[in-house]
Amino acid sequence: MVRPGAPSANWLRNKAFAWSDDPTPARYARDFACTLLLMALATLVSLAFYAFRMEACIVITYVLAVLCASLLTVGRVHCLFASAFSVVLYNYFFTTPRFSLTAWGTAYPATFAVMFIVALVASTVAMTLRSELHASREAFNRTRVILEADRALRRCTTQGQIIDATCEQLSRLMGVTVVWYADAGDGFGAQKRFDAGDATRTDPVIELPMARRAQQDAEIVGVGTELFPSASGLYLPLRADEKIVGVIGACLQGRDPLPTERNEAEAIAGEASLACDRVQALEEREKAAVMAKNEQLRANLLRSISHDLRTPLTAISGNADVLLSNGEALDAQARDGLLKDIRSDAMWLNATVENLLAITRLENGGVQLTTTAELLDDVVEEALRHVSPDASLHRIEVDPSPELLLVEVDARLMVQVVVNLMNNAITYTPEGSRIRISSRRRGDEAVVCVEDDGPGIAPSDRDHVFESFYTASHALADSRRSVGLGLALCKSIVEAHGGTIRLEQAQPRGCRFEFSLPLYELKEEEGEDHGRCDH
């Protein structure tokens, strides 16, 4: 709620206490005019008092006018002038004889002296109070800026954000344009300018030698310092991890900074350096956490691979020993069964190694896609030729798209995606389950869906099935050997082609894996080439 008279009180406070105490010739002239106006107003009010025989209020009116002049002007000369001029006006208008500078009463000299002293003392006290209030207000504003700078720096998470926040707060603190000189190794990069809302908008003076000297000496240089005091600005180096990352230049236009301004600017620059060290420590901590996670992942990989590779290798070795030692004693059906088991285990080992190598190359950027325009149904048909032999134990349904779907893919990798999705469904569903693969168009995308009616995947595992070395329920059962690479490889390959892959719950049960790829638009020139080839 705004109290009555609050706007006028705020206006008076802003006029009386927010003005700078730095006198200028133009300011002196305006202050003398203001003093004369106040004296004229006091004389008019005093004439009204005199007309109503209220002579006791006249002296107080002039003293009040002198107080107002001391609050609204700079320099003690105005107070002295107002005090003396008020005595002259009182003598001229209100002593006998009136309208004359002579006074007949013996008490008048003492009255004039007391009036002058009272007015001078009161004006001096008022001016001192105004100066102290002005200094307190400036100190409050500077403290607020420093606190805001501290809060802003605490919110920063990168070195760039710290530099921006520091330069903006320094511009607000000093009321000038601030320029950031970023270290570029062999010099400074492009300068960045910062202007606070209340900063003096001037074209900044770019002083590269001053900034370079501040960077080399790692100390503040420029106007107001012992190093290059004739410079136009003040230059503060910004340190991060014992290295100067740049220099902050405050464009003071040759004005000497106040001692408090310089100290507070150095304090903010010091806080910025500490903030840079904090951000760097956080980054190093994150790197250490990533390295620890990678080490844990590597340990899990070795443990998982050692377990899963040992089982088929043991089976292959055992079956081979049986064939070598007792092969002649076995009938043809038993020998064929052992040979099929050896082949199955060898194929699984080969697929596992291929997946491991492929996902490693993809994640490290070592695979260059060799893309060509392919019919999606042809890719699916080729993949079905390479699925697990156990596919014969399931009901495989193929539902091709009613229209031609042309995609630009690396055919070898895309075949591997379909093979992995089909083998995943074959492995994790019981014999006799239905596995359906279909393709269709959805907007400007081609979609392939592999759906089964098996037991499905628990909701807690659905968000992790595309992670490397993750298996549902973290199981490593020998009957369902997996190191958790097949689906992770599918995700890497599909995303490398600009597509997406996801898992959904099939209805009424089972899993539904779906991946989409951008459709390839046949260019007009290519269409003409195909037309000429047809002829």
Protein backbone atom coordinates (compact mmCIF):
# COMPACT_ATOMS: atom_id res chain seq x y z
CA MET A 1 0.00 0.00 0.00
CA VAL A 2 1.38 3.40 -0.98
CA ARG A 3 1.14 6.04 1.68
CA PRO A 4 -0.05 9.54 0.78
CA GLY A 5 2.84 11.80 -0.05
CA ALA A 6 5.17 8.89 -0.76
CA PRO A 7 5.86 9.88 -4.42
CA SER A 8 6.80 13.42 -3.43
CA ALA A 9 8.98 12.13 -0.60
CA ASN A 10 10.76 9.77 -2.99
CA TRP A 11 11.26 12.61 -5.47
CA LEU A 12 12.78 14.82 -2.78
CA ARG A 13 15.04 12.04 -1.54
CA ASN A 14 16.23 11.24 -5.05
CA LYS A 15 16.91 14.92 -5.79
CA ALA A 16 18.54 15.70 -2.48
CA PHE A 17 20.58 12.59 -1.76
CA ALA A 18 21.23 10.82 -5.05
CA TRP A 19 23.10 13.63 -6.83
CA SER A 20 26.80 13.34 -7.31
CA ASP A 21 28.99 15.57 -5.13
CA ASP A 22 31.36 16.24 -8.03
CA PRO A 23 31.02 19.97 -8.91
CA THR A 24 31.10 21.13 -12.52
CA PRO A 25 30.86 24.68 -13.98
CA ALA A 26 27.39 23.97 -15.36
CA ARG A 27 26.34 22.55 -12.03
CA TYR A 28 27.62 25.65 -10.18
CA ALA A 29 25.53 27.92 -12.41
CA ARG A 30 22.39 25.83 -11.89
CA ASP A 31 22.96 25.73 -8.14
CA PHE A 32 23.31 29.53 -7.91
CA ALA A 33 20.07 29.89 -9.87
CA CYS A 34 18.40 27.42 -7.50
CA THR A 35 19.68 29.37 -4.48
CA LEU A 36 18.35 32.67 -5.85
CA LEU A 37 14.97 31.06 -6.54
CA LEU A 38 14.76 29.71 -3.00
CA MET A 39 15.64 33.10 -1.56
CA ALA A 40 12.97 34.75 -3.72
CA LEU A 41 10.34 32.25 -2.55
CA ALA A 42 11.39 32.79 1.09
CA THR A 43 11.05 36.58 0.61
CA LEU A 44 7.53 36.25 -0.83
CA VAL A 45 6.44 34.02 2.05
CA SER A 46 8.05 36.41 4.55
CA LEU A 47 6.22 39.39 3.01
CA ALA A 48 2.97 37.50 3.60
CA PHE A 49 3.95 36.91 7.23
CA TYR A 50 4.86 40.59 7.60
CA ALA A 51 1.49 41.67 6.23
CA PHE A 52 -0.27 39.57 8.89
CA ARG A 53 2.09 40.89 11.62
CA MET A 54 3.84 37.50 12.06
CA GLU A 55 7.38 38.90 12.11
CA ALA A 56 8.64 36.04 14.32
CA CYS A 57 8.28 33.57 11.42
CA ILE A 58 10.38 35.59 9.00
CA VAL A 59 13.80 34.59 10.32
CA ILE A 60 12.77 30.92 10.50
CA THR A 61 11.56 31.10 6.88
CA TYR A 62 14.95 32.32 5.67
CA VAL A 63 16.78 29.67 7.72
CA LEU A 64 14.51 27.01 6.15
CA ALA A 65 15.34 28.36 2.68
CA VAL A 66 19.05 28.13 3.46
CA LEU A 67 18.56 24.48 4.58
CA CYS A 68 16.79 23.66 1.32
CA ALA A 69 19.59 25.29 -0.65
CA SER A 70 22.18 23.19 1.21
CA LEU A 71 20.26 20.02 0.36
CA LEU A 72 19.84 20.82 -3.33
CA THR A 73 23.25 22.27 -4.19
CA VAL A 74 26.88 21.19 -4.11
CA GLY A 75 29.80 23.11 -2.67
CA ARG A 76 29.94 25.05 0.57
CA VAL A 77 30.09 28.33 -1.33
CA HIS A 78 26.37 28.01 -1.99
CA CYS A 79 25.64 27.60 1.71
CA LEU A 80 27.78 30.63 2.54
CA PHE A 81 26.13 32.68 -0.21
CA ALA A 82 22.61 31.63 0.88
CA SER A 83 23.35 32.46 4.52
CA ALA A 84 24.75 35.92 3.69
CA PHE A 85 22.11 36.68 1.09
CA SER A 86 19.29 35.78 3.49
CA VAL A 87 20.63 38.34 5.99
CA VAL A 88 20.83 41.00 3.25
CA LEU A 89 17.23 40.30 2.15
CA TYR A 90 15.97 40.39 5.73
CA ASN A 91 17.73 43.72 6.27
CA TYR A 92 16.40 45.20 3.03
CA PHE A 93 12.75 44.17 3.31
CA PHE A 94 11.96 43.90 7.03
CA THR A 95 14.14 46.25 9.13
CA THR A 96 13.59 49.93 9.73
CA PRO A 97 13.95 51.81 7.49
CA ARG A 98 12.49 49.29 4.98
CA PHE A 99 13.80 48.89 1.43
CA SER A 100 17.20 50.08 2.55
CA LEU A 101 20.39 48.36 3.55
CA THR A 102 20.79 50.59 6.61
CA ALA A 103 19.47 49.57 10.03
CA TRP A 104 18.73 52.11 12.83
CA GLY A 105 18.33 49.75 15.78
CA THR A 106 21.33 48.92 17.97
CA ALA A 107 20.17 45.29 18.21
CA TYR A 108 20.15 44.70 14.49
CA PRO A 109 23.88 43.92 14.09
CA ALA A 110 23.64 41.18 16.71
CA THR A 111 20.44 39.87 15.08
CA PHE A 112 22.14 39.77 11.71
CA ALA A 113 25.16 37.98 13.13
CA VAL A 114 23.10 35.37 14.96
CA MET A 115 20.91 34.84 11.89
CA PHE A 116 23.95 34.37 9.67
CA ILE A 117 25.64 31.96 12.09
CA VAL A 118 22.47 29.91 12.59
CA ALA A 119 21.82 29.70 8.86
CA LEU A 120 25.44 28.81 8.12
CA VAL A 121 25.66 26.12 10.82
CA ALA A 122 22.31 24.61 9.84
CA SER A 123 23.23 24.54 6.17
CA THR A 124 26.62 22.99 6.93
CA VAL A 125 25.00 20.26 9.01
CA ALA A 126 22.42 19.61 6.29
CA MET A 127 25.12 19.40 3.62
CA THR A 128 27.18 17.02 5.71
CA LEU A 129 24.10 14.89 6.30
CA ARG A 130 23.35 14.84 2.59
CA SER A 131 26.92 13.81 1.75
CA GLU A 132 26.86 11.02 4.32
CA LEU A 133 23.53 9.77 3.09
CA HIS A 134 24.81 9.89 -0.46
CA ALA A 135 27.90 7.89 0.52
CA SER A 136 25.75 5.39 2.44
CA ARG A 137 23.49 4.94 -0.53
CA GLU A 138 26.43 4.35 -2.85
CA ALA A 139 27.91 1.86 -0.37
CA PHE A 140 24.54 0.09 -0.17
CA ASN A 141 24.31 -0.11 -3.97
CA ARG A 142 27.86 -1.44 -4.25
CA THR A 143 27.22 -4.02 -1.54
CA ARG A 144 24.05 -5.10 -3.33
CA VAL A 145 25.94 -5.47 -6.61
CA ILE A 146 28.64 -7.56 -4.90
CA LEU A 147 26.03 -9.83 -3.30
CA GLU A 148 24.21 -10.19 -6.62
CA ALA A 149 27.54 -10.99 -8.28
CA ASP A 150 28.19 -13.68 -5.67
CA ARG A 151 24.75 -15.22 -6.22
CA ALA A 152 25.13 -15.01 -10.00
CA LEU A 153 28.54 -16.69 -9.87
CA ARG A 154 27.17 -19.49 -7.69
CA ARG A 155 24.56 -20.24 -10.35
CA CYS A 156 27.13 -20.48 -13.15
CA THR A 157 28.10 -23.93 -14.37
CA THR A 158 30.59 -23.04 -17.11
CA GLN A 159 33.52 -20.69 -17.44
CA GLY A 160 31.72 -18.70 -20.16
CA GLN A 161 28.77 -18.05 -17.85
CA ILE A 162 31.15 -16.91 -15.09
CA ILE A 163 32.86 -14.42 -17.42
CA ASP A 164 29.53 -12.99 -18.63
CA ALA A 165 28.18 -12.63 -15.08
CA THR A 166 31.40 -11.01 -13.83
CA CYS A 167 31.57 -8.44 -16.63
CA GLU A 168 27.87 -7.55 -16.28
CA GLN A 169 28.21 -7.01 -12.52
CA LEU A 170 31.37 -4.91 -12.93
CA SER A 171 29.55 -2.75 -15.49
CA ARG A 172 26.74 -2.21 -12.97
CA LEU A 173 29.16 -1.56 -10.12
CA MET A 174 31.25 1.06 -11.90
CA GLY A 175 28.53 2.41 -14.22
CA VAL A 176 30.70 2.10 -17.33
CA THR A 177 31.14 -0.15 -20.35
CA VAL A 178 33.20 -3.29 -19.69
CA VAL A 179 35.14 -5.16 -22.39
CA TRP A 180 36.28 -8.78 -22.12
CA TYR A 181 39.63 -9.65 -23.72
CA ALA A 182 39.67 -13.46 -24.09
CA ASP A 183 43.03 -15.23 -24.25
CA ALA A 184 43.43 -16.94 -27.63
CA GLY A 185 46.87 -18.44 -27.04
CA ASP A 186 48.81 -16.19 -29.40
CA GLY A 187 46.96 -13.01 -28.44
CA PHE A 188 43.42 -11.94 -27.72
CA GLY A 189 40.33 -13.07 -29.54
CA ALA A 190 37.37 -10.89 -30.49
CA GLN A 191 36.42 -8.50 -27.69
CA LYS A 192 33.01 -8.79 -26.05
CA ARG A 193 31.22 -5.69 -24.75
CA PHE A 194 28.98 -5.48 -21.68
CA ASP A 195 26.74 -2.53 -20.77
CA ALA A 196 24.66 -2.45 -17.60
CA GLY A 197 21.26 -0.79 -17.67
CA ASP A 198 22.52 2.33 -15.91
CA ALA A 199 26.00 2.34 -17.43
CA THR A 200 27.26 5.32 -19.38
CA ARG A 201 26.89 4.32 -23.04
CA THR A 202 30.09 5.31 -24.78
CA ASP A 203 32.20 3.72 -27.48
CA PRO A 204 34.80 1.68 -25.59
CA VAL A 205 38.47 2.43 -26.09
CA ILE A 206 40.20 -0.83 -27.04
CA GLU A 207 43.66 -0.76 -25.44
CA LEU A 208 45.26 -4.08 -26.38
CA PRO A 209 48.74 -3.15 -25.02
CA MET A 210 47.23 -2.42 -21.58
CA ALA A 211 45.31 -5.70 -21.57
CA ARG A 212 48.40 -7.60 -22.72
CA ARG A 213 50.48 -6.06 -19.93
CA ALA A 214 47.84 -7.01 -17.34
CA GLN A 215 47.90 -10.57 -18.70
CA GLN A 216 51.68 -10.80 -18.67
CA ASP A 217 52.15 -9.29 -15.19
CA ALA A 218 49.04 -10.99 -13.74
CA GLU A 219 48.11 -7.80 -11.89
CA ILE A 220 45.79 -4.85 -12.27
CA VAL A 221 47.03 -2.00 -14.51
CA GLY A 222 45.63 1.19 -15.98
CA VAL A 223 44.14 4.41 -14.70
CA GLY A 224 44.41 4.83 -10.93
CA THR A 225 47.33 2.38 -10.66
CA GLU A 226 51.09 2.74 -10.69
CA LEU A 227 51.35 0.90 -14.02
CA PHE A 228 50.17 3.02 -16.97
CA PRO A 229 48.13 5.55 -14.95
CA SER A 230 47.58 7.54 -18.16
CA ALA A 231 45.51 4.74 -19.71
CA SER A 232 41.85 5.25 -20.47
CA GLY A 233 40.58 2.21 -18.57
CA LEU A 234 41.25 -0.14 -15.69
CA TYR A 235 42.35 -3.70 -16.58
CA LEU A 236 41.92 -6.69 -14.28
CA PRO A 237 43.34 -10.13 -15.20
CA LEU A 238 41.08 -13.13 -14.58
CA ARG A 239 42.84 -16.22 -13.31
CA ALA A 240 41.60 -19.82 -13.51
CA ASP A 241 43.69 -22.73 -12.26
CA GLU A 242 46.85 -20.62 -12.04
CA LYS A 243 46.39 -19.46 -15.63
CA ILE A 244 45.23 -16.09 -16.98
CA VAL A 245 42.22 -16.84 -19.17
CA GLY A 246 41.56 -13.22 -20.13
CA VAL A 247 41.45 -9.59 -19.03
CA ILE A 248 38.49 -7.46 -17.96
CA GLY A 249 38.72 -3.84 -19.11
CA ALA A 250 36.56 -1.14 -17.47
CA CYS A 251 36.29 1.85 -19.84
CA LEU A 252 36.56 4.74 -17.36
CA GLN A 253 37.45 7.29 -20.08
CA GLY A 254 40.45 8.42 -18.04
CA ARG A 255 38.50 8.93 -14.79
CA ASP A 256 40.36 7.73 -11.71
CA PRO A 257 38.34 5.01 -9.99
CA LEU A 258 37.41 5.56 -6.37
CA PRO A 259 39.41 3.44 -3.91
CA THR A 260 36.23 1.58 -2.98
CA GLU A 261 35.43 0.96 -6.65
CA ARG A 262 38.85 -0.51 -7.31
CA ASN A 263 38.79 -2.69 -4.19
CA GLU A 264 35.32 -4.00 -4.98
CA ALA A 265 36.23 -4.62 -8.62
CA GLU A 266 39.24 -6.64 -7.49
CA ALA A 267 37.00 -8.53 -5.04
CA ILE A 268 34.54 -9.47 -7.79
CA ALA A 269 37.40 -10.55 -10.08
CA GLY A 270 38.75 -12.69 -7.21
CA GLU A 271 35.34 -14.29 -6.71
CA ALA A 272 35.19 -15.00 -10.43
CA SER A 273 38.58 -16.75 -10.25
CA LEU A 274 37.35 -18.89 -7.35
CA ALA A 275 34.19 -19.69 -9.31
CA CYS A 276 36.29 -20.78 -12.31
CA ASP A 277 38.32 -23.04 -10.05
CA ARG A 278 35.08 -24.47 -8.61
CA VAL A 279 33.66 -25.20 -12.07
CA GLN A 280 36.91 -26.82 -13.15
CA ALA A 281 36.96 -28.95 -9.98
CA LEU A 282 33.39 -30.06 -10.73
CA GLU A 283 34.35 -30.95 -14.30
CA GLU A 284 37.33 -32.95 -13.06
CA ARG A 285 35.09 -34.69 -10.53
CA GLU A 286 32.64 -35.57 -13.28
CA LYS A 287 35.47 -36.89 -15.43
CA ALA A 288 36.66 -38.99 -12.51
CA ALA A 289 33.13 -40.32 -12.02
CA VAL A 290 32.91 -41.18 -15.73
CA MET A 291 36.27 -42.93 -15.57
CA ALA A 292 35.15 -44.89 -12.51
CA LYS A 293 31.95 -45.83 -14.30
CA ASN A 294 33.95 -46.92 -17.34
CA GLU A 295 36.19 -49.03 -15.14
CA GLN A 296 33.14 -50.64 -13.57
CA LEU A 297 31.68 -51.18 -17.03
CA ARG A 298 34.92 -52.76 -18.20
CA ALA A 299 34.93 -55.06 -15.18
CA ASN A 300 31.32 -56.03 -15.84
CA LEU A 301 32.18 -56.62 -19.49
CA LEU A 302 35.07 -58.92 -18.65
CA ARG A 303 33.02 -60.82 -16.10
CA SER A 304 30.07 -61.15 -18.46
CA ILE A 305 32.13 -62.15 -21.48
CA SER A 306 34.23 -64.61 -19.49
CA HIS A 307 31.05 -66.30 -18.25
CA ASP A 308 29.22 -66.32 -21.58
CA LEU A 309 32.19 -67.32 -23.70
CA ARG A 310 33.22 -70.10 -21.34
CA THR A 311 29.91 -71.95 -21.70
CA PRO A 312 29.88 -72.40 -25.52
CA LEU A 313 33.64 -72.98 -25.60
CA THR A 314 33.26 -75.73 -23.00
CA ALA A 315 30.42 -77.25 -25.03
CA ILE A 316 32.42 -77.10 -28.25
CA SER A 317 35.47 -78.64 -26.59
CA GLY A 318 33.39 -81.38 -24.95
CA ASN A 319 31.50 -82.30 -28.11
CA ALA A 320 34.73 -82.33 -30.11
CA ASP A 321 36.37 -84.66 -27.53
CA VAL A 322 33.40 -87.01 -27.76
CA LEU A 323 33.60 -87.11 -31.55
CA LEU A 324 37.37 -87.67 -31.48
CA SER A 325 37.36 -90.40 -28.88
CA ASN A 326 34.05 -92.18 -29.48
CA GLY A 327 32.94 -90.89 -32.85
CA GLU A 328 32.96 -94.32 -34.53
CA ALA A 329 30.84 -95.80 -31.76
CA LEU A 330 28.10 -93.21 -32.20
CA ASP A 331 25.33 -93.58 -34.71
CA ALA A 332 24.82 -91.03 -37.47
CA GLN A 333 21.99 -89.22 -35.64
CA ALA A 334 24.09 -88.73 -32.48
CA ARG A 335 27.06 -87.47 -34.51
CA ASP A 336 24.84 -85.05 -36.40
CA GLY A 337 23.42 -83.75 -33.11
CA LEU A 338 26.90 -83.09 -31.72
CA LEU A 339 28.02 -81.41 -34.94
CA LYS A 340 24.91 -79.19 -34.95
CA ASP A 341 25.63 -78.20 -31.35
CA ILE A 342 29.22 -77.33 -32.26
CA ARG A 343 28.02 -75.27 -35.21
CA SER A 344 25.38 -73.50 -33.11
CA ASP A 345 27.87 -72.59 -30.40
CA ALA A 346 30.45 -71.45 -32.96
CA MET A 347 27.87 -69.27 -34.72
CA TRP A 348 26.84 -67.73 -31.41
CA LEU A 349 30.46 -66.98 -30.55
CA ASN A 350 31.01 -65.43 -33.97
CA ALA A 351 27.85 -63.26 -33.67
CA THR A 352 28.86 -62.13 -30.18
CA VAL A 353 32.33 -61.08 -31.31
CA GLU A 354 30.91 -59.32 -34.37
CA ASN A 355 28.42 -57.39 -32.21
CA LEU A 356 31.13 -56.45 -29.73
CA LEU A 357 33.45 -55.17 -32.45
CA ALA A 358 30.66 -53.34 -34.28
CA ILE A 359 29.32 -51.47 -31.24
CA THR A 360 32.86 -50.53 -30.17
CA ARG A 361 33.59 -49.06 -33.60
CA LEU A 362 30.25 -47.22 -33.68
CA GLU A 363 30.65 -45.65 -30.24
CA ASN A 364 34.23 -44.59 -31.04
CA GLY A 365 33.27 -43.17 -34.43
CA GLY A 366 35.41 -45.72 -36.25
CA VAL A 367 32.67 -46.83 -38.66
CA GLN A 368 32.05 -44.89 -41.85
CA LEU A 369 28.58 -45.57 -43.20
CA THR A 370 28.51 -46.67 -46.82
CA THR A 371 24.94 -45.80 -47.66
CA THR A 372 22.97 -46.67 -50.78
CA ALA A 373 19.30 -46.43 -51.68
CA GLU A 374 17.72 -49.77 -50.74
CA LEU A 375 14.22 -51.21 -50.69
CA LEU A 376 13.41 -51.86 -47.06
CA ASP A 377 11.63 -55.16 -47.78
CA ASP A 378 14.75 -56.40 -49.58
CA VAL A 379 16.81 -55.66 -46.47
CA VAL A 380 14.31 -57.58 -44.32
CA GLU A 381 14.30 -60.51 -46.76
CA GLU A 382 18.09 -60.69 -46.73
CA ALA A 383 18.16 -60.56 -42.92
CA LEU A 384 15.73 -63.47 -42.61
CA ARG A 385 18.24 -65.66 -44.43
CA HIS A 386 20.77 -65.13 -41.61
CA VAL A 387 18.66 -65.53 -38.48
CA SER A 388 19.28 -68.29 -35.95
CA PRO A 389 18.52 -71.86 -37.06
CA ASP A 390 16.20 -72.07 -34.05
CA ALA A 391 13.77 -69.94 -36.07
CA SER A 392 12.35 -73.21 -37.40
CA LEU A 393 11.01 -73.90 -33.90
CA HIS A 394 8.79 -70.77 -34.07
CA ARG A 395 6.01 -69.51 -36.29
CA ILE A 396 7.62 -66.75 -38.36
CA GLU A 397 5.21 -64.34 -40.11
CA VAL A 398 6.36 -61.75 -42.64
CA ASP A 399 4.09 -58.83 -43.50
CA PRO A 400 5.75 -56.69 -46.21
CA SER A 401 4.66 -53.13 -46.95
CA PRO A 402 1.98 -52.68 -49.62
CA GLU A 403 4.07 -49.88 -51.15
CA LEU A 404 7.74 -49.59 -52.01
CA LEU A 405 9.76 -48.10 -49.15
CA LEU A 406 13.10 -46.68 -50.29
CA VAL A 407 15.67 -45.87 -47.57
CA GLU A 408 19.27 -44.70 -47.71
CA VAL A 409 21.17 -47.08 -45.44
CA ASP A 410 24.31 -49.11 -45.01
CA ALA A 411 22.74 -52.40 -46.09
CA ARG A 412 25.18 -54.62 -44.16
CA LEU A 413 24.57 -52.82 -40.86
CA MET A 414 20.82 -52.61 -41.37
CA VAL A 415 20.65 -56.34 -42.05
CA GLN A 416 22.45 -56.83 -38.75
CA VAL A 417 19.78 -54.74 -36.97
CA VAL A 418 16.97 -56.95 -38.28
CA VAL A 419 18.94 -60.12 -37.52
CA ASN A 420 19.57 -59.02 -33.93
CA LEU A 421 15.92 -58.13 -33.35
CA MET A 422 14.74 -61.46 -34.80
CA ASN A 423 17.34 -63.48 -32.85
CA ASN A 424 16.37 -61.63 -29.69
CA ALA A 425 12.73 -62.69 -30.18
CA ILE A 426 13.77 -66.27 -31.03
CA THR A 427 15.98 -66.55 -27.96
CA TYR A 428 13.58 -65.14 -25.38
CA THR A 429 10.33 -66.79 -26.47
CA PRO A 430 9.33 -70.44 -25.96
CA GLU A 431 9.16 -72.86 -28.85
CA GLY A 432 6.05 -72.52 -30.97
CA SER A 433 5.69 -68.79 -30.29
CA ARG A 434 4.56 -66.47 -33.04
CA ILE A 435 7.10 -63.92 -34.30
CA ARG A 436 5.86 -61.36 -36.79
CA ILE A 437 7.98 -58.87 -38.74
CA SER A 438 6.25 -56.13 -40.72
CA SER A 439 7.11 -52.93 -42.55
CA ARG A 440 4.97 -49.93 -43.41
CA ARG A 441 5.06 -46.21 -44.14
CA ARG A 442 4.27 -43.62 -41.47
CA GLY A 443 4.40 -40.07 -42.76
CA ASP A 444 7.89 -39.44 -44.11
CA GLU A 445 9.35 -42.45 -42.27
CA ALA A 446 9.69 -46.15 -42.99
CA VAL A 447 8.89 -48.35 -39.98
CA VAL A 448 9.95 -51.96 -39.27
CA CYS A 449 8.24 -53.83 -36.43
CA VAL A 450 9.27 -57.16 -34.83
CA GLU A 451 6.53 -58.49 -32.55
CA ASP A 452 6.21 -61.72 -30.54
CA ASP A 453 3.71 -63.28 -28.16
CA GLY A 454 6.27 -64.46 -25.61
CA PRO A 455 6.42 -63.68 -21.87
CA GLY A 456 7.46 -60.07 -22.51
CA ILE A 457 9.85 -57.86 -20.54
CA ALA A 458 9.23 -56.54 -17.03
CA PRO A 459 8.41 -52.81 -16.88
CA SER A 460 11.48 -52.17 -14.71
CA ASP A 461 13.73 -53.52 -17.48
CA ARG A 462 12.18 -51.77 -20.47
CA ASP A 463 14.10 -48.51 -19.98
CA HIS A 464 17.44 -50.36 -19.92
CA VAL A 465 17.21 -52.96 -22.68
CA PHE A 466 19.12 -50.73 -25.12
CA GLU A 467 22.04 -50.24 -22.72
CA SER A 468 25.27 -52.08 -23.40
CA PHE A 469 25.87 -55.26 -21.37
CA TYR A 470 22.39 -55.16 -19.87
CA THR A 471 20.23 -58.27 -19.84
CA ALA A 472 16.66 -58.50 -18.62
CA SER A 473 16.51 -59.20 -14.87
CA HIS A 474 20.37 -59.17 -15.02
CA ALA A 475 20.26 -62.89 -15.73
CA LEU A 476 23.15 -64.79 -17.29
CA ALA A 477 21.47 -68.16 -17.72
CA ASP A 478 23.29 -70.64 -19.93
CA SER A 479 20.08 -71.53 -21.71
CA ARG A 480 19.76 -67.95 -22.90
CA ARG A 481 23.27 -66.76 -23.42
CA SER A 482 23.62 -63.00 -23.86
CA VAL A 483 26.10 -60.28 -23.04
CA GLY A 484 23.54 -57.58 -23.70
CA LEU A 485 25.04 -56.20 -26.89
CA GLY A 486 22.50 -57.02 -29.60
CA LEU A 487 19.88 -54.39 -28.77
CA ALA A 488 22.51 -51.79 -27.88
CA LEU A 489 24.07 -52.32 -31.30
CA CYS A 490 20.64 -51.95 -32.94
CA LYS A 491 20.14 -48.60 -31.22
CA SER A 492 23.60 -47.34 -32.26
CA ILE A 493 23.12 -48.36 -35.91
CA VAL A 494 19.60 -46.96 -36.23
CA GLU A 495 20.55 -43.62 -34.62
CA ALA A 496 23.64 -43.42 -36.87
CA HIS A 497 21.17 -43.48 -39.79
CA GLY A 498 19.07 -40.67 -38.27
CA GLY A 499 16.33 -43.02 -37.06
CA THR A 500 14.81 -44.05 -33.74
CA ILE A 501 14.10 -47.38 -32.04
CA ARG A 502 11.77 -48.19 -29.16
CA LEU A 503 10.21 -51.03 -27.21
CA GLU A 504 6.48 -51.38 -26.53
CA GLN A 505 4.30 -53.94 -24.79
CA ALA A 506 2.54 -56.16 -27.33
CA GLN A 507 -1.13 -57.01 -26.90
CA PRO A 508 -2.20 -59.15 -25.19
CA ARG A 509 1.36 -60.15 -24.22
CA GLY A 510 4.88 -60.18 -25.59
CA CYS A 511 7.25 -57.50 -26.91
CA ARG A 512 7.08 -55.14 -29.84
CA PHE A 513 10.35 -53.64 -31.12
CA GLU A 514 9.93 -50.89 -33.69
CA PHE A 515 12.53 -48.81 -35.50
CA SER A 516 11.96 -46.04 -38.03
CA LEU A 517 14.19 -44.58 -40.75
CA PRO A 518 13.80 -41.48 -42.93
CA LEU A 519 12.37 -42.27 -46.34
CA TYR A 520 14.70 -41.62 -49.25
CA GLU A 521 13.26 -39.21 -51.80
CA LEU A 522 14.31 -40.12 -55.32
CA LYS A 523 15.75 -37.04 -57.04
CA GLU A 524 14.50 -36.02 -60.47
CA GLU A 525 17.89 -36.58 -62.08
CA GLU A 526 18.09 -40.07 -60.61
CA GLY A 527 14.59 -40.83 -61.88
CA GLU A 528 15.58 -39.77 -65.38
CA ASP A 529 18.70 -41.95 -65.17
CA HIS A 530 16.62 -44.92 -64.08
CA GLY A 531 14.22 -44.21 -66.94
CA ARG A 532 17.03 -44.21 -69.52
CA CYS A 533 18.40 -47.43 -68.06
CA ASP A 534 15.01 -49.09 -68.40
CA HIS A 535 15.06 -48.35 -72.10
